Amino acid sequence: MNALIVQDTKAGAVLTVHIQPKASTTECVGLHGNAIKIRVAAPPVDGAANDELIRFLARQLSTPLASVQIQSGASGRHKRVLVKGATAQLVLARLNLGPEKGAAKP
């Protein structure tokens, strides 16, 4: 298991995410290689899939929308997402991935 799937940083948790746009529903479906796989219902047009990803993560992690930011990969399927104030342990638990699925400390 890659230790970089979710990392604790001073700013919060940084997630490595692989998204699948235009899905029937928005949901976390587990792991895809060295990333968390999230299906998003929105199409990859005009940032709609990114917006849906941010809304989904904010809702699942019970955090404000402003606390979820795409750090890299905004125009691709593979992204790094910062969740300010969150921990890797919280992210893994809220996304039902369990603590053994890739948390790492800096």
PDB file of N, CA and C in Angstrom:
ATOM      1  N   MET A   1       0.843  -1.187   0.000  1.00  0.00           N
ATOM      2  CA  MET A   1       0.000   0.000   0.000  1.00  0.00           C
ATOM      3  C   MET A   1       0.881   1.240   0.000  1.00  0.00           C
ATOM      4  N   ASN A   2       0.615   2.152  -0.885  1.00  0.00           N
ATOM      5  CA  ASN A   2       1.389   3.389  -0.988  1.00  0.00           C
ATOM      6  C   ASN A   2       1.040   4.315   0.163  1.00  0.00           C
ATOM      7  N   ALA A   3       2.060   4.865   0.809  1.00  0.00           N
ATOM      8  CA  ALA A   3       1.856   5.732   1.957  1.00  0.00           C
ATOM      9  C   ALA A   3       1.438   7.137   1.560  1.00  0.00           C
ATOM     10  N   LEU A   4       1.305   7.421   0.283  1.00  0.00           N
ATOM     11  CA  LEU A   4       0.983   8.777  -0.153  1.00  0.00           C
ATOM     12  C   LEU A   4      -0.478   8.966  -0.540  1.00  0.00           C
ATOM     13  N   ILE A   5      -1.325   7.993  -0.301  1.00  0.00           N
ATOM     14  CA  ILE A   5      -2.740   8.131  -0.645  1.00  0.00           C
ATOM     15  C   ILE A   5      -3.367   9.262   0.156  1.00  0.00           C
ATOM     16  N   VAL A   6      -3.111   9.304   1.451  1.00  0.00           N
ATOM     17  CA  VAL A   6      -3.545  10.412   2.307  1.00  0.00           C
ATOM     18  C   VAL A   6      -2.383  10.758   3.223  1.00  0.00           C
ATOM     19  N   GLN A   7      -1.990  12.024   3.231  1.00  0.00           N
ATOM     20  CA  GLN A   7      -0.877  12.474   4.068  1.00  0.00           C
ATOM     21  C   GLN A   7      -1.339  13.557   5.024  1.00  0.00           C
ATOM     22  N   ASP A   8      -0.852  13.501   6.244  1.00  0.00           N
ATOM     23  CA  ASP A   8      -1.044  14.592   7.189  1.00  0.00           C
ATOM     24  C   ASP A   8       0.009  15.660   6.903  1.00  0.00           C
ATOM     25  N   THR A   9      -0.423  16.911   6.796  1.00  0.00           N
ATOM     26  CA  THR A   9       0.492  18.035   6.635  1.00  0.00           C
ATOM     27  C   THR A   9       0.119  19.086   7.670  1.00  0.00           C
ATOM     28  N   LYS A  10       0.912  20.141   7.758  1.00  0.00           N
ATOM     29  CA  LYS A  10       0.590  21.220   8.698  1.00  0.00           C
ATOM     30  C   LYS A  10      -0.744  21.876   8.364  1.00  0.00           C
ATOM     31  N   ALA A  11      -1.067  21.963   7.089  1.00  0.00           N
ATOM     32  CA  ALA A  11      -2.311  22.618   6.660  1.00  0.00           C
ATOM     33  C   ALA A  11      -3.532  21.719   6.794  1.00  0.00           C
ATOM     34  N   GLY A  12      -3.324  20.412   6.754  1.00  0.00           N
ATOM     35  CA  GLY A  12      -4.444  19.472   6.804  1.00  0.00           C
ATOM     36  C   GLY A  12      -4.078  18.188   6.092  1.00  0.00           C
ATOM     37  N   ALA A  13      -5.071  17.460   5.646  1.00  0.00           N
ATOM     38  CA  ALA A  13      -4.842  16.196   4.952  1.00  0.00           C
ATOM     39  C   ALA A  13      -4.782  16.441   3.443  1.00  0.00           C
ATOM     40  N   VAL A  14      -3.817  15.803   2.793  1.00  0.00           N
ATOM     41  CA  VAL A  14      -3.700  15.876   1.336  1.00  0.00           C
ATOM     42  C   VAL A  14      -4.032  14.498   0.782  1.00  0.00           C
ATOM     43  N   LEU A  15      -5.047  14.453  -0.081  1.00  0.00           N
ATOM     44  CA  LEU A  15      -5.520  13.208  -0.663  1.00  0.00           C
ATOM     45  C   LEU A  15      -5.048  13.084  -2.100  1.00  0.00           C
ATOM     46  N   THR A  16      -4.662  11.899  -2.486  1.00  0.00           N
ATOM     47  CA  THR A  16      -4.422  11.590  -3.891  1.00  0.00           C
ATOM     48  C   THR A  16      -5.703  10.922  -4.378  1.00  0.00           C
ATOM     49  N   VAL A  17      -6.320  11.522  -5.393  1.00  0.00           N
ATOM     50  CA  VAL A  17      -7.645  11.099  -5.837  1.00  0.00           C
ATOM     51  C   VAL A  17      -7.635  10.808  -7.333  1.00  0.00           C
ATOM     52  N   HIS A  18      -8.340   9.764  -7.718  1.00  0.00           N
ATOM     53  CA  HIS A  18      -8.605   9.465  -9.131  1.00  0.00           C
ATOM     54  C   HIS A  18     -10.119   9.587  -9.294  1.00  0.00           C
ATOM     55  N   ILE A  19     -10.569  10.486 -10.184  1.00  0.00           N
ATOM     56  CA  ILE A  19     -12.011  10.645 -10.344  1.00  0.00           C
ATOM     57  C   ILE A  19     -12.485  10.040 -11.659  1.00  0.00           C
ATOM     58  N   GLN A  20     -13.723   9.593 -11.630  1.00  0.00           N
ATOM     59  CA  GLN A  20     -14.393   9.078 -12.813  1.00  0.00           C
ATOM     60  C   GLN A  20     -15.625   9.951 -13.030  1.00  0.00           C
ATOM     61  N   PRO A  21     -15.568  10.878 -13.980  1.00  0.00           N
ATOM     62  CA  PRO A  21     -16.702  11.762 -14.221  1.00  0.00           C
ATOM     63  C   PRO A  21     -17.848  11.051 -14.954  1.00  0.00           C
ATOM     64  N   LYS A  22     -18.996  11.686 -14.961  1.00  0.00           N
ATOM     65  CA  LYS A  22     -20.209  11.211 -15.644  1.00  0.00           C
ATOM     66  C   LYS A  22     -20.701   9.873 -15.112  1.00  0.00           C
ATOM     67  N   ALA A  23     -20.522   9.626 -13.820  1.00  0.00           N
ATOM     68  CA  ALA A  23     -21.031   8.404 -13.201  1.00  0.00           C
ATOM     69  C   ALA A  23     -22.516   8.602 -12.877  1.00  0.00           C
ATOM     70  N   SER A  24     -23.191   7.523 -12.563  1.00  0.00           N
ATOM     71  CA  SER A  24     -24.614   7.632 -12.246  1.00  0.00           C
ATOM     72  C   SER A  24     -24.840   8.294 -10.890  1.00  0.00           C
ATOM     73  N   THR A  25     -23.864   8.170  -9.987  1.00  0.00           N
ATOM     74  CA  THR A  25     -23.965   8.784  -8.668  1.00  0.00           C
ATOM     75  C   THR A  25     -22.562   9.175  -8.198  1.00  0.00           C
ATOM     76  N   THR A  26     -22.500  10.123  -7.281  1.00  0.00           N
ATOM     77  CA  THR A  26     -21.211  10.531  -6.729  1.00  0.00           C
ATOM     78  C   THR A  26     -20.951   9.704  -5.483  1.00  0.00           C
ATOM     79  N   GLU A  27     -19.800   9.002  -5.470  1.00  0.00           N
ATOM     80  CA  GLU A  27     -19.480   8.115  -4.353  1.00  0.00           C
ATOM     81  C   GLU A  27     -18.008   7.751  -4.362  1.00  0.00           C
ATOM     82  N   CYS A  28     -17.514   7.402  -3.189  1.00  0.00           N
ATOM     83  CA  CYS A  28     -16.159   6.869  -3.047  1.00  0.00           C
ATOM     84  C   CYS A  28     -16.283   5.362  -3.209  1.00  0.00           C
ATOM     85  N   VAL A  29     -15.480   4.799  -4.124  1.00  0.00           N
ATOM     86  CA  VAL A  29     -15.609   3.371  -4.405  1.00  0.00           C
ATOM     87  C   VAL A  29     -14.393   2.563  -3.978  1.00  0.00           C
ATOM     88  N   GLY A  30     -13.460   3.175  -3.274  1.00  0.00           N
ATOM     89  CA  GLY A  30     -12.291   2.450  -2.791  1.00  0.00           C
ATOM     90  C   GLY A  30     -11.006   3.007  -3.358  1.00  0.00           C
ATOM     91  N   LEU A  31     -10.093   2.115  -3.686  1.00  0.00           N
ATOM     92  CA  LEU A  31      -8.788   2.540  -4.172  1.00  0.00           C
ATOM     93  C   LEU A  31      -8.629   2.195  -5.647  1.00  0.00           C
ATOM     94  N   HIS A  32      -7.849   3.023  -6.331  1.00  0.00           N
ATOM     95  CA  HIS A  32      -7.500   2.808  -7.738  1.00  0.00           C
ATOM     96  C   HIS A  32      -5.995   3.038  -7.836  1.00  0.00           C
ATOM     97  N   GLY A  33      -5.233   1.968  -7.839  1.00  0.00           N
ATOM     98  CA  GLY A  33      -3.780   2.111  -7.814  1.00  0.00           C
ATOM     99  C   GLY A  33      -3.355   2.772  -6.519  1.00  0.00           C
ATOM    100  N   ASN A  34      -2.684   3.911  -6.631  1.00  0.00           N
ATOM    101  CA  ASN A  34      -2.211   4.645  -5.462  1.00  0.00           C
ATOM    102  C   ASN A  34      -3.057   5.878  -5.199  1.00  0.00           C
ATOM    103  N   ALA A  35      -4.366   5.749  -5.407  1.00  0.00           N
ATOM    104  CA  ALA A  35      -5.269   6.887  -5.208  1.00  0.00           C
ATOM    105  C   ALA A  35      -6.624   6.398  -4.701  1.00  0.00           C
ATOM    106  N   ILE A  36      -7.366   7.324  -4.106  1.00  0.00           N
ATOM    107  CA  ILE A  36      -8.741   7.071  -3.711  1.00  0.00           C
ATOM    108  C   ILE A  36      -9.594   7.282  -4.955  1.00  0.00           C
ATOM    109  N   LYS A  37     -10.417   6.305  -5.315  1.00  0.00           N
ATOM    110  CA  LYS A  37     -11.273   6.443  -6.501  1.00  0.00           C
ATOM    111  C   LYS A  37     -12.630   6.998  -6.079  1.00  0.00           C
ATOM    112  N   ILE A  38     -12.986   8.097  -6.728  1.00  0.00           N
ATOM    113  CA  ILE A  38     -14.278   8.727  -6.471  1.00  0.00           C
ATOM    114  C   ILE A  38     -14.989   8.907  -7.801  1.00  0.00           C
ATOM    115  N   ARG A  39     -16.189   8.376  -7.886  1.00  0.00           N
ATOM    116  CA  ARG A  39     -17.033   8.582  -9.057  1.00  0.00           C
ATOM    117  C   ARG A  39     -17.833   9.849  -8.824  1.00  0.00           C
ATOM    118  N   VAL A  40     -17.881  10.713  -9.831  1.00  0.00           N
ATOM    119  CA  VAL A  40     -18.670  11.935  -9.716  1.00  0.00           C
ATOM    120  C   VAL A  40     -19.717  11.959 -10.818  1.00  0.00           C
ATOM    121  N   ALA A  41     -20.907  12.403 -10.472  1.00  0.00           N
ATOM    122  CA  ALA A  41     -22.028  12.414 -11.414  1.00  0.00           C
ATOM    123  C   ALA A  41     -21.891  13.513 -12.465  1.00  0.00           C
ATOM    124  N   ALA A  42     -21.113  14.521 -12.197  1.00  0.00           N
ATOM    125  CA  ALA A  42     -20.981  15.658 -13.113  1.00  0.00           C
ATOM    126  C   ALA A  42     -20.049  15.317 -14.277  1.00  0.00           C
ATOM    127  N   PRO A  43     -20.275  15.959 -15.422  1.00  0.00           N
ATOM    128  CA  PRO A  43     -19.378  15.761 -16.571  1.00  0.00           C
ATOM    129  C   PRO A  43     -18.098  16.585 -16.405  1.00  0.00           C
ATOM    130  N   PRO A  44     -17.036  16.217 -17.125  1.00  0.00           N
ATOM    131  CA  PRO A  44     -15.775  16.963 -17.024  1.00  0.00           C
ATOM    132  C   PRO A  44     -15.779  18.195 -17.921  1.00  0.00           C
ATOM    133  N   VAL A  45     -16.762  19.053 -17.724  1.00  0.00           N
ATOM    134  CA  VAL A  45     -16.924  20.237 -18.567  1.00  0.00           C
ATOM    135  C   VAL A  45     -16.992  21.474 -17.682  1.00  0.00           C
ATOM    136  N   ASP A  46     -16.192  22.481 -18.010  1.00  0.00           N
ATOM    137  CA  ASP A  46     -16.207  23.765 -17.304  1.00  0.00           C
ATOM    138  C   ASP A  46     -16.040  23.632 -15.793  1.00  0.00           C
ATOM    139  N   GLY A  47     -15.267  22.667 -15.356  1.00  0.00           N
ATOM    140  CA  GLY A  47     -14.999  22.508 -13.927  1.00  0.00           C
ATOM    141  C   GLY A  47     -16.110  21.856 -13.131  1.00  0.00           C
ATOM    142  N   ALA A  48     -17.140  21.353 -13.798  1.00  0.00           N
ATOM    143  CA  ALA A  48     -18.275  20.765 -13.086  1.00  0.00           C
ATOM    144  C   ALA A  48     -17.872  19.541 -12.262  1.00  0.00           C
ATOM    145  N   ALA A  49     -17.009  18.695 -12.802  1.00  0.00           N
ATOM    146  CA  ALA A  49     -16.576  17.502 -12.064  1.00  0.00           C
ATOM    147  C   ALA A  49     -15.745  17.894 -10.842  1.00  0.00           C
ATOM    148  N   ASN A  50     -14.900  18.911 -10.984  1.00  0.00           N
ATOM    149  CA  ASN A  50     -14.110  19.389  -9.841  1.00  0.00           C
ATOM    150  C   ASN A  50     -15.020  19.959  -8.761  1.00  0.00           C
ATOM    151  N   ASP A  51     -16.010  20.740  -9.169  1.00  0.00           N
ATOM    152  CA  ASP A  51     -16.952  21.314  -8.204  1.00  0.00           C
ATOM    153  C   ASP A  51     -17.705  20.216  -7.464  1.00  0.00           C
ATOM    154  N   GLU A  52     -18.123  19.185  -8.190  1.00  0.00           N
ATOM    155  CA  GLU A  52     -18.839  18.068  -7.574  1.00  0.00           C
ATOM    156  C   GLU A  52     -17.925  17.305  -6.613  1.00  0.00           C
ATOM    157  N   LEU A  53     -16.667  17.131  -6.980  1.00  0.00           N
ATOM    158  CA  LEU A  53     -15.699  16.472  -6.102  1.00  0.00           C
ATOM    159  C   LEU A  53     -15.540  17.256  -4.803  1.00  0.00           C
ATOM    160  N   ILE A  54     -15.395  18.560  -4.901  1.00  0.00           N
ATOM    161  CA  ILE A  54     -15.231  19.415  -3.716  1.00  0.00           C
ATOM    162  C   ILE A  54     -16.472  19.343  -2.833  1.00  0.00           C
ATOM    163  N   ARG A  55     -17.659  19.433  -3.433  1.00  0.00           N
ATOM    164  CA  ARG A  55     -18.903  19.332  -2.652  1.00  0.00           C
ATOM    165  C   ARG A  55     -19.008  17.979  -1.953  1.00  0.00           C
ATOM    166  N   PHE A  56     -18.683  16.916  -2.678  1.00  0.00           N
ATOM    167  CA  PHE A  56     -18.760  15.572  -2.110  1.00  0.00           C
ATOM    168  C   PHE A  56     -17.815  15.425  -0.917  1.00  0.00           C
ATOM    169  N   LEU A  57     -16.561  15.821  -1.089  1.00  0.00           N
ATOM    170  CA  LEU A  57     -15.597  15.688   0.005  1.00  0.00           C
ATOM    171  C   LEU A  57     -15.986  16.547   1.203  1.00  0.00           C
ATOM    172  N   ALA A  58     -16.444  17.771   0.961  1.00  0.00           N
ATOM    173  CA  ALA A  58     -16.869  18.646   2.061  1.00  0.00           C
ATOM    174  C   ALA A  58     -18.029  18.012   2.827  1.00  0.00           C
ATOM    175  N   ARG A  59     -18.975  17.436   2.101  1.00  0.00           N
ATOM    176  CA  ARG A  59     -20.136  16.805   2.738  1.00  0.00           C
ATOM    177  C   ARG A  59     -19.704  15.566   3.530  1.00  0.00           C
ATOM    178  N   GLN A  60     -18.898  14.700   2.921  1.00  0.00           N
ATOM    179  CA  GLN A  60     -18.467  13.469   3.585  1.00  0.00           C
ATOM    180  C   GLN A  60     -17.605  13.746   4.816  1.00  0.00           C
ATOM    181  N   LEU A  61     -16.801  14.802   4.746  1.00  0.00           N
ATOM    182  CA  LEU A  61     -15.873  15.109   5.832  1.00  0.00           C
ATOM    183  C   LEU A  61     -16.422  16.146   6.806  1.00  0.00           C
ATOM    184  N   SER A  62     -17.657  16.585   6.588  1.00  0.00           N
ATOM    185  CA  SER A  62     -18.309  17.582   7.452  1.00  0.00           C
ATOM    186  C   SER A  62     -17.433  18.808   7.639  1.00  0.00           C
ATOM    187  N   THR A  63     -16.969  19.359   6.527  1.00  0.00           N
ATOM    188  CA  THR A  63     -16.098  20.525   6.546  1.00  0.00           C
ATOM    189  C   THR A  63     -16.632  21.555   5.550  1.00  0.00           C
ATOM    190  N   PRO A  64     -16.353  22.839   5.749  1.00  0.00           N
ATOM    191  CA  PRO A  64     -16.830  23.860   4.809  1.00  0.00           C
ATOM    192  C   PRO A  64     -16.228  23.675   3.417  1.00  0.00           C
ATOM    193  N   LEU A  65     -16.976  24.080   2.397  1.00  0.00           N
ATOM    194  CA  LEU A  65     -16.490  24.004   1.016  1.00  0.00           C
ATOM    195  C   LEU A  65     -15.146  24.694   0.853  1.00  0.00           C
ATOM    196  N   ALA A  66     -14.956  25.812   1.523  1.00  0.00           N
ATOM    197  CA  ALA A  66     -13.717  26.587   1.400  1.00  0.00           C
ATOM    198  C   ALA A  66     -12.506  25.835   1.947  1.00  0.00           C
ATOM    199  N   SER A  67     -12.733  24.791   2.736  1.00  0.00           N
ATOM    200  CA  SER A  67     -11.628  24.024   3.311  1.00  0.00           C
ATOM    201  C   SER A  67     -11.112  22.935   2.373  1.00  0.00           C
ATOM    202  N   VAL A  68     -11.796  22.727   1.256  1.00  0.00           N
ATOM    203  CA  VAL A  68     -11.399  21.688   0.300  1.00  0.00           C
ATOM    204  C   VAL A  68     -10.880  22.374  -0.958  1.00  0.00           C
ATOM    205  N   GLN A  69      -9.609  22.111  -1.296  1.00  0.00           N
ATOM    206  CA  GLN A  69      -8.981  22.771  -2.441  1.00  0.00           C
ATOM    207  C   GLN A  69      -8.218  21.768  -3.284  1.00  0.00           C
ATOM    208  N   ILE A  70      -8.380  21.858  -4.590  1.00  0.00           N
ATOM    209  CA  ILE A  70      -7.595  21.030  -5.492  1.00  0.00           C
ATOM    210  C   ILE A  70      -6.227  21.685  -5.634  1.00  0.00           C
ATOM    211  N   GLN A  71      -5.181  20.971  -5.219  1.00  0.00           N
ATOM    212  CA  GLN A  71      -3.820  21.507  -5.285  1.00  0.00           C
ATOM    213  C   GLN A  71      -3.187  21.284  -6.641  1.00  0.00           C
ATOM    214  N   SER A  72      -3.469  20.144  -7.249  1.00  0.00           N
ATOM    215  CA  SER A  72      -2.918  19.860  -8.578  1.00  0.00           C
ATOM    216  C   SER A  72      -3.838  18.888  -9.299  1.00  0.00           C
ATOM    217  N   GLY A  73      -3.762  18.918 -10.627  1.00  0.00           N
ATOM    218  CA  GLY A  73      -4.553  18.004 -11.437  1.00  0.00           C
ATOM    219  C   GLY A  73      -5.940  18.490 -11.770  1.00  0.00           C
ATOM    220  N   ALA A  74      -6.174  19.785 -11.719  1.00  0.00           N
ATOM    221  CA  ALA A  74      -7.519  20.319 -11.949  1.00  0.00           C
ATOM    222  C   ALA A  74      -8.090  19.944 -13.316  1.00  0.00           C
ATOM    223  N   SER A  75      -7.224  19.715 -14.302  1.00  0.00           N
ATOM    224  CA  SER A  75      -7.738  19.405 -15.636  1.00  0.00           C
ATOM    225  C   SER A  75      -7.614  17.920 -15.993  1.00  0.00           C
ATOM    226  N   GLY A  76      -7.242  17.089 -15.027  1.00  0.00           N
ATOM    227  CA  GLY A  76      -7.113  15.657 -15.293  1.00  0.00           C
ATOM    228  C   GLY A  76      -7.912  14.833 -14.300  1.00  0.00           C
ATOM    229  N   ARG A  77      -7.833  13.530 -14.455  1.00  0.00           N
ATOM    230  CA  ARG A  77      -8.548  12.638 -13.540  1.00  0.00           C
ATOM    231  C   ARG A  77      -7.785  12.394 -12.243  1.00  0.00           C
ATOM    232  N   HIS A  78      -6.473  12.534 -12.284  1.00  0.00           N
ATOM    233  CA  HIS A  78      -5.634  12.296 -11.108  1.00  0.00           C
ATOM    234  C   HIS A  78      -5.377  13.635 -10.424  1.00  0.00           C
ATOM    235  N   LYS A  79      -5.757  13.765  -9.162  1.00  0.00           N
ATOM    236  CA  LYS A  79      -5.682  15.043  -8.453  1.00  0.00           C
ATOM    237  C   LYS A  79      -5.059  14.888  -7.073  1.00  0.00           C
ATOM    238  N   ARG A  80      -4.539  15.993  -6.559  1.00  0.00           N
ATOM    239  CA  ARG A  80      -4.128  16.094  -5.153  1.00  0.00           C
ATOM    240  C   ARG A  80      -5.046  17.135  -4.542  1.00  0.00           C
ATOM    241  N   VAL A  81      -5.720  16.765  -3.464  1.00  0.00           N
ATOM    242  CA  VAL A  81      -6.722  17.623  -2.841  1.00  0.00           C
ATOM    243  C   VAL A  81      -6.350  17.862  -1.386  1.00  0.00           C
ATOM    244  N   LEU A  82      -6.323  19.134  -0.988  1.00  0.00           N
ATOM    245  CA  LEU A  82      -6.063  19.518   0.396  1.00  0.00           C
ATOM    246  C   LEU A  82      -7.393  19.719   1.112  1.00  0.00           C
ATOM    247  N   VAL A  83      -7.507  19.110   2.281  1.00  0.00           N
ATOM    248  CA  VAL A  83      -8.659  19.335   3.153  1.00  0.00           C
ATOM    249  C   VAL A  83      -8.116  19.987   4.412  1.00  0.00           C
ATOM    250  N   LYS A  84      -8.278  21.317   4.488  1.00  0.00           N
ATOM    251  CA  LYS A  84      -7.721  22.081   5.609  1.00  0.00           C
ATOM    252  C   LYS A  84      -8.325  21.639   6.930  1.00  0.00           C
ATOM    253  N   GLY A  85      -7.455  21.457   7.914  1.00  0.00           N
ATOM    254  CA  GLY A  85      -7.892  21.124   9.261  1.00  0.00           C
ATOM    255  C   GLY A  85      -8.249  19.661   9.472  1.00  0.00           C
ATOM    256  N   ALA A  86      -8.209  18.852   8.437  1.00  0.00           N
ATOM    257  CA  ALA A  86      -8.544  17.429   8.563  1.00  0.00           C
ATOM    258  C   ALA A  86      -7.277  16.616   8.808  1.00  0.00           C
ATOM    259  N   THR A  87      -7.448  15.402   9.270  1.00  0.00           N
ATOM    260  CA  THR A  87      -6.332  14.476   9.439  1.00  0.00           C
ATOM    261  C   THR A  87      -6.529  13.291   8.495  1.00  0.00           C
ATOM    262  N   ALA A  88      -5.445  12.598   8.203  1.00  0.00           N
ATOM    263  CA  ALA A  88      -5.530  11.410   7.354  1.00  0.00           C
ATOM    264  C   ALA A  88      -6.477  10.381   7.972  1.00  0.00           C
ATOM    265  N   GLN A  89      -6.403  10.219   9.272  1.00  0.00           N
ATOM    266  CA  GLN A  89      -7.253   9.251   9.963  1.00  0.00           C
ATOM    267  C   GLN A  89      -8.732   9.593   9.785  1.00  0.00           C
ATOM    268  N   LEU A  90      -9.084  10.860   9.925  1.00  0.00           N
ATOM    269  CA  LEU A  90     -10.468  11.293   9.743  1.00  0.00           C
ATOM    270  C   LEU A  90     -10.939  11.037   8.313  1.00  0.00           C
ATOM    271  N   VAL A  91     -10.106  11.410   7.344  1.00  0.00           N
ATOM    272  CA  VAL A  91     -10.468  11.231   5.934  1.00  0.00           C
ATOM    273  C   VAL A  91     -10.727   9.752   5.634  1.00  0.00           C
ATOM    274  N   LEU A  92      -9.824   8.897   6.037  1.00  0.00           N
ATOM    275  CA  LEU A  92      -9.977   7.470   5.768  1.00  0.00           C
ATOM    276  C   LEU A  92     -11.223   6.902   6.436  1.00  0.00           C
ATOM    277  N   ALA A  93     -11.490   7.329   7.660  1.00  0.00           N
ATOM    278  CA  ALA A  93     -12.672   6.839   8.372  1.00  0.00           C
ATOM    279  C   ALA A  93     -13.960   7.320   7.704  1.00  0.00           C
ATOM    280  N   ARG A  94     -14.028   8.601   7.354  1.00  0.00           N
ATOM    281  CA  ARG A  94     -15.246   9.155   6.759  1.00  0.00           C
ATOM    282  C   ARG A  94     -15.518   8.631   5.350  1.00  0.00           C
ATOM    283  N   LEU A  95     -14.459   8.231   4.660  1.00  0.00           N
ATOM    284  CA  LEU A  95     -14.631   7.671   3.313  1.00  0.00           C
ATOM    285  C   LEU A  95     -14.695   6.139   3.352  1.00  0.00           C
ATOM    286  N   ASN A  96     -14.799   5.589   4.574  1.00  0.00           N
ATOM    287  CA  ASN A  96     -14.904   4.141   4.786  1.00  0.00           C
ATOM    288  C   ASN A  96     -13.744   3.364   4.162  1.00  0.00           C
ATOM    289  N   LEU A  97     -12.546   3.903   4.302  1.00  0.00           N
ATOM    290  CA  LEU A  97     -11.365   3.241   3.759  1.00  0.00           C
ATOM    291  C   LEU A  97     -10.525   2.577   4.836  1.00  0.00           C
ATOM    292  N   GLY A  98     -10.777   2.872   6.104  1.00  0.00           N
ATOM    293  CA  GLY A  98     -10.056   2.231   7.196  1.00  0.00           C
ATOM    294  C   GLY A  98      -8.635   2.729   7.359  1.00  0.00           C
ATOM    295  N   PRO A  99      -8.096   2.677   8.565  1.00  0.00           N
ATOM    296  CA  PRO A  99      -6.765   3.216   8.851  1.00  0.00           C
ATOM    297  C   PRO A  99      -5.639   2.456   8.168  1.00  0.00           C
ATOM    298  N   GLU A 100      -5.867   1.218   7.765  1.00  0.00           N
ATOM    299  CA  GLU A 100      -4.809   0.432   7.145  1.00  0.00           C
ATOM    300  C   GLU A 100      -4.649   0.707   5.657  1.00  0.00           C
ATOM    301  N   LYS A 101      -5.428   1.616   5.089  1.00  0.00           N
ATOM    302  CA  LYS A 101      -5.449   1.817   3.644  1.00  0.00           C
ATOM    303  C   LYS A 101      -4.542   2.926   3.136  1.00  0.00           C
ATOM    304  N   GLY A 102      -3.562   3.389   3.906  1.00  0.00           N
ATOM    305  CA  GLY A 102      -2.592   4.283   3.287  1.00  0.00           C
ATOM    306  C   GLY A 102      -2.301   5.600   3.974  1.00  0.00           C
ATOM    307  N   ALA A 103      -2.628   5.762   5.232  1.00  0.00           N
ATOM    308  CA  ALA A 103      -2.310   7.009   5.913  1.00  0.00           C
ATOM    309  C   ALA A 103      -0.813   7.105   6.152  1.00  0.00           C
ATOM    310  N   ALA A 104      -0.298   8.311   6.060  1.00  0.00           N
ATOM    311  CA  ALA A 104       1.127   8.525   6.318  1.00  0.00           C
ATOM    312  C   ALA A 104       1.316   9.851   7.017  1.00  0.00           C
ATOM    313  N   LYS A 105       2.315   9.927   7.843  1.00  0.00           N
ATOM    314  CA  LYS A 105       2.635  11.191   8.501  1.00  0.00           C
ATOM    315  C   LYS A 105       3.897  11.752   7.866  1.00  0.00           C
ATOM    316  N   PRO A 106       3.993  13.091   7.773  1.00  0.00           N
ATOM    317  CA  PRO A 106       5.180  13.691   7.140  1.00  0.00           C
ATOM    318  C   PRO A 106       6.445  13.430   7.919  1.00  0.00           C
TER     319      PRO A 106
END
